[in-house]
Amino acid sequence: MTFGHGLALSLIAIALLAAPARAQEAAEAPPPVPVVAPYDDGLVRLSEILGSTHYLRELCGASEGTLWRDQMQGIIDAEQADGDRLARLVDGFNRGYEGFKSVYRTCTPAATTAVDRYMQEGARIARDIAARYGREE
């Protein structure tokens, strides 16, 4: 009988030692699932366009100040973007800005053409996202 009692005590001890580990595992929250909207690729592209436009319009004398950066901030605010999603949008804006900054030092006809095309593409992307995913209030 003491053999059975000893075995029972050993099993209880093992269970008690394992219990804190299991409780700790249960208490740890799973990593947050990144928020990805079905239109995020379009928003990243729009971010690149806004960054490009911000650089090129200023280069070509538009004197719009922070208009395009403000548009980007408006997207971030509207989307309540944070974490990885915010980083993707900001990276897109910066990539667009730096990409043209590395190529254009003065306003040229090619720079003006690029701005015109990017503004058309940006408007199309914004319309498409709004038409497909916009909320009616």
Protein backbone atom coordinates (compact mmCIF):
# COMPACT_ATOMS: atom_id res chain seq x y z
CA MET A 1 0.00 0.00 0.00
CA THR A 2 2.83 2.40 0.68
CA PHE A 3 4.08 1.70 -2.82
CA GLY A 4 0.77 2.94 -4.24
CA HIS A 5 0.75 5.89 -1.86
CA GLY A 6 4.34 6.80 -2.89
CA LEU A 7 3.42 6.53 -6.57
CA ALA A 8 0.40 8.74 -6.03
CA LEU A 9 2.53 11.34 -4.26
CA SER A 10 5.07 11.25 -7.09
CA LEU A 11 2.35 11.77 -9.67
CA ILE A 12 0.91 14.66 -7.67
CA ALA A 13 4.36 16.22 -7.36
CA ILE A 14 4.94 15.88 -11.11
CA ALA A 15 1.52 17.39 -11.80
CA LEU A 16 2.19 20.30 -9.44
CA LEU A 17 5.58 20.98 -11.02
CA ALA A 18 4.08 20.93 -14.50
CA ALA A 19 1.06 23.05 -13.55
CA PRO A 20 2.91 26.40 -13.34
CA ALA A 21 4.40 25.85 -16.80
CA ARG A 22 1.00 25.07 -18.25
CA ALA A 23 -0.58 28.03 -16.46
CA GLN A 24 2.15 30.29 -17.78
CA GLU A 25 1.64 29.00 -21.32
CA ALA A 26 -2.10 29.59 -21.03
CA ALA A 27 -1.56 33.10 -19.66
CA GLU A 28 0.66 34.15 -22.57
CA ALA A 29 -1.46 35.78 -25.24
CA PRO A 30 -0.90 34.70 -28.80
CA PRO A 31 0.89 37.25 -30.96
CA PRO A 32 -1.53 39.72 -32.53
CA VAL A 33 -2.68 38.89 -36.01
CA PRO A 34 -1.58 41.67 -38.36
CA VAL A 35 -4.45 43.69 -39.74
CA VAL A 36 -4.52 43.35 -43.49
CA ALA A 37 -7.36 44.83 -45.46
CA PRO A 38 -8.09 43.39 -48.90
CA TYR A 39 -7.17 46.74 -50.41
CA ASP A 40 -3.83 47.18 -48.61
CA ASP A 41 -1.78 46.61 -51.78
CA GLY A 42 -3.67 49.48 -53.36
CA LEU A 43 -3.06 51.68 -50.32
CA VAL A 44 0.64 50.91 -50.38
CA ARG A 45 0.77 51.85 -54.05
CA LEU A 46 -1.20 55.01 -53.32
CA SER A 47 1.31 55.79 -50.55
CA GLU A 48 4.17 55.47 -53.05
CA ILE A 49 2.35 57.78 -55.43
CA LEU A 50 1.75 60.35 -52.69
CA GLY A 51 5.43 60.27 -51.75
CA SER A 52 6.46 60.67 -55.38
CA THR A 53 3.98 63.47 -55.91
CA HIS A 54 5.10 65.22 -52.74
CA TYR A 55 8.67 65.32 -54.02
CA LEU A 56 8.00 66.09 -57.67
CA ARG A 57 5.34 68.79 -57.18
CA GLU A 58 7.64 70.70 -54.84
CA LEU A 59 10.57 70.23 -57.23
CA CYS A 60 8.48 71.65 -60.06
CA GLY A 61 7.47 74.72 -58.06
CA ALA A 62 3.92 73.87 -57.01
CA SER A 63 4.44 75.42 -53.55
CA GLU A 64 1.83 73.15 -51.97
CA GLY A 65 3.71 72.73 -48.71
CA THR A 66 2.65 69.58 -46.92
CA LEU A 67 -0.47 68.88 -49.01
CA TRP A 68 0.60 65.40 -50.15
CA ARG A 69 2.08 64.45 -46.79
CA ASP A 70 -1.19 65.58 -45.20
CA GLN A 71 -3.12 63.38 -47.66
CA MET A 72 -0.94 60.47 -46.54
CA GLN A 73 -1.61 61.25 -42.89
CA GLY A 74 -5.32 61.34 -43.70
CA ILE A 75 -5.13 57.79 -45.05
CA ILE A 76 -3.22 56.60 -41.99
CA ASP A 77 -5.77 58.25 -39.69
CA ALA A 78 -8.79 56.96 -41.61
CA GLU A 79 -7.39 53.44 -41.66
CA GLN A 80 -6.28 53.65 -38.02
CA ALA A 81 -3.09 52.04 -39.25
CA ASP A 82 -0.52 50.95 -36.70
CA GLY A 83 2.23 48.39 -36.32
CA ASP A 84 3.23 46.56 -39.47
CA ARG A 85 0.45 48.11 -41.50
CA LEU A 86 1.56 51.62 -40.60
CA ALA A 87 5.14 50.69 -41.41
CA ARG A 88 4.13 49.41 -44.87
CA LEU A 89 2.27 52.62 -45.67
CA VAL A 90 5.04 54.89 -44.42
CA ASP A 91 7.66 52.81 -46.24
CA GLY A 92 5.64 53.15 -49.44
CA PHE A 93 5.47 56.94 -49.10
CA ASN A 94 9.19 57.17 -48.35
CA ARG A 95 10.07 54.80 -51.20
CA GLY A 96 8.14 56.99 -53.66
CA TYR A 97 9.74 60.16 -52.34
CA GLU A 98 13.30 58.82 -52.24
CA GLY A 99 12.98 57.06 -55.59
CA PHE A 100 12.34 60.30 -57.43
CA LYS A 101 14.70 62.30 -55.25
CA SER A 102 17.53 60.01 -56.35
CA VAL A 103 16.72 60.60 -60.04
CA TYR A 104 15.46 64.19 -60.36
CA ARG A 105 17.37 67.23 -59.12
CA THR A 106 15.50 69.73 -61.30
CA CYS A 107 12.06 69.82 -62.81
CA THR A 108 12.13 68.35 -66.30
CA PRO A 109 9.42 67.52 -68.84
CA ALA A 110 9.81 63.87 -67.79
CA ALA A 111 9.23 64.80 -64.14
CA THR A 112 6.10 66.74 -65.09
CA THR A 113 4.84 63.79 -67.13
CA ALA A 114 5.52 61.44 -64.20
CA VAL A 115 3.52 63.69 -61.86
CA ASP A 116 0.60 63.81 -64.27
CA ARG A 117 0.57 60.03 -64.69
CA TYR A 118 0.94 59.40 -60.98
CA MET A 119 -1.89 61.78 -60.16
CA GLN A 120 -4.14 59.96 -62.62
CA GLU A 121 -3.12 56.56 -61.25
CA GLY A 122 -3.58 57.75 -57.64
CA ALA A 123 -7.03 59.10 -58.40
CA ARG A 124 -7.99 55.80 -60.06
CA ILE A 125 -6.75 53.75 -57.11
CA ALA A 126 -8.59 55.99 -54.63
CA ARG A 127 -11.81 55.75 -56.65
CA ASP A 128 -11.52 51.98 -57.00
CA ILE A 129 -10.93 51.45 -53.29
CA ALA A 130 -13.77 53.78 -52.33
CA ALA A 131 -16.17 52.20 -54.82
CA ARG A 132 -15.34 48.65 -53.85
CA TYR A 133 -14.72 48.91 -50.11
CA GLY A 134 -16.19 52.26 -49.02
CA ARG A 135 -18.78 52.36 -46.32
CA GLU A 136 -22.11 54.01 -46.84
CA GLU A 137 -23.11 56.06 -43.83
